[in-house]
Amino acid sequence: MAGSLYSKKKIKSSSGILSTSNILFIFLLIFVVLLIGALSFFPALSLGPLAEFFSV
């Protein structure tokens, strides 16, 4: 797999390509990681109090 990626042709940067050495890329990456993390805990945080209310 590494060999096939290495042998690929490099393309010129254009306005449609997101550079990975940019502060915008770092911000978007951190935002997506935090968003997915928050969405994975949201059901437990929202359903926990409801389950406790209905169990009493």
C-alpha atoms as a PDB file:
ATOM      1  CA  MET A   1       0.000   0.000   0.000  1.00  0.00           C
ATOM      2  CA  ALA A   2       2.822   2.405   0.857  1.00  0.00           C
ATOM      3  CA  GLY A   3       4.510   1.668  -2.455  1.00  0.00           C
ATOM      4  CA  SER A   4       1.393   2.462  -4.449  1.00  0.00           C
ATOM      5  CA  LEU A   5       0.898   5.717  -2.574  1.00  0.00           C
ATOM      6  CA  TYR A   6       4.543   6.640  -3.139  1.00  0.00           C
ATOM      7  CA  SER A   7       4.322   5.984  -6.866  1.00  0.00           C
ATOM      8  CA  LYS A   8       1.283   8.217  -7.382  1.00  0.00           C
ATOM      9  CA  LYS A   9       1.788  11.421  -9.315  1.00  0.00           C
ATOM     10  CA  LYS A  10       1.810  14.623  -7.321  1.00  0.00           C
ATOM     11  CA  ILE A  11      -0.747  17.217  -8.335  1.00  0.00           C
ATOM     12  CA  LYS A  12      -0.439  20.966  -8.162  1.00  0.00           C
ATOM     13  CA  SER A  13      -2.186  22.818  -5.377  1.00  0.00           C
ATOM     14  CA  SER A  14      -5.288  24.686  -6.412  1.00  0.00           C
ATOM     15  CA  SER A  15      -8.152  26.441  -4.714  1.00  0.00           C
ATOM     16  CA  GLY A  16     -10.074  23.161  -4.403  1.00  0.00           C
ATOM     17  CA  ILE A  17      -7.447  21.413  -2.273  1.00  0.00           C
ATOM     18  CA  LEU A  18      -7.303  21.781   1.513  1.00  0.00           C
ATOM     19  CA  SER A  19      -3.714  22.138   2.643  1.00  0.00           C
ATOM     20  CA  THR A  20      -2.784  20.047   5.687  1.00  0.00           C
ATOM     21  CA  SER A  21      -0.106  22.497   6.818  1.00  0.00           C
ATOM     22  CA  ASN A  22      -2.657  25.210   7.467  1.00  0.00           C
ATOM     23  CA  ILE A  23      -4.213  26.442  10.723  1.00  0.00           C
ATOM     24  CA  LEU A  24      -7.664  25.949   9.174  1.00  0.00           C
ATOM     25  CA  PHE A  25      -6.995  22.223   8.719  1.00  0.00           C
ATOM     26  CA  ILE A  26      -5.870  21.887  12.347  1.00  0.00           C
ATOM     27  CA  PHE A  27      -8.979  23.738  13.558  1.00  0.00           C
ATOM     28  CA  LEU A  28     -11.303  21.590  11.430  1.00  0.00           C
ATOM     29  CA  LEU A  29      -9.597  18.388  12.556  1.00  0.00           C
ATOM     30  CA  ILE A  30      -9.901  19.278  16.253  1.00  0.00           C
ATOM     31  CA  PHE A  31     -13.517  20.408  15.742  1.00  0.00           C
ATOM     32  CA  VAL A  32     -14.499  17.144  14.039  1.00  0.00           C
ATOM     33  CA  VAL A  33     -12.793  15.015  16.707  1.00  0.00           C
ATOM     34  CA  LEU A  34     -14.537  16.933  19.512  1.00  0.00           C
ATOM     35  CA  LEU A  35     -17.884  16.841  17.692  1.00  0.00           C
ATOM     36  CA  ILE A  36     -17.759  13.077  17.182  1.00  0.00           C
ATOM     37  CA  GLY A  37     -16.668  12.600  20.786  1.00  0.00           C
ATOM     38  CA  ALA A  38     -19.516  14.768  22.061  1.00  0.00           C
ATOM     39  CA  LEU A  39     -22.080  13.018  19.881  1.00  0.00           C
ATOM     40  CA  SER A  40     -20.947   9.612  21.119  1.00  0.00           C
ATOM     41  CA  PHE A  41     -21.519  10.632  24.769  1.00  0.00           C
ATOM     42  CA  PHE A  42     -24.742  12.591  24.181  1.00  0.00           C
ATOM     43  CA  PRO A  43     -27.139   9.602  24.209  1.00  0.00           C
ATOM     44  CA  ALA A  44     -25.771   8.367  27.535  1.00  0.00           C
ATOM     45  CA  LEU A  45     -25.906  11.819  29.072  1.00  0.00           C
ATOM     46  CA  SER A  46     -29.451  12.473  27.903  1.00  0.00           C
ATOM     47  CA  LEU A  47     -30.942   9.021  28.526  1.00  0.00           C
ATOM     48  CA  GLY A  48     -29.299   8.451  31.926  1.00  0.00           C
ATOM     49  CA  PRO A  49     -31.535  10.883  33.849  1.00  0.00           C
ATOM     50  CA  LEU A  50     -34.610   9.637  31.988  1.00  0.00           C
ATOM     51  CA  ALA A  51     -33.834   6.021  32.890  1.00  0.00           C
ATOM     52  CA  GLU A  52     -33.319   7.006  36.511  1.00  0.00           C
ATOM     53  CA  PHE A  53     -36.612   8.920  36.556  1.00  0.00           C
ATOM     54  CA  PHE A  54     -38.591   6.005  35.138  1.00  0.00           C
ATOM     55  CA  SER A  55     -36.923   3.426  37.408  1.00  0.00           C
ATOM     56  CA  VAL A  56     -38.067   5.189  40.577  1.00  0.00           C
END
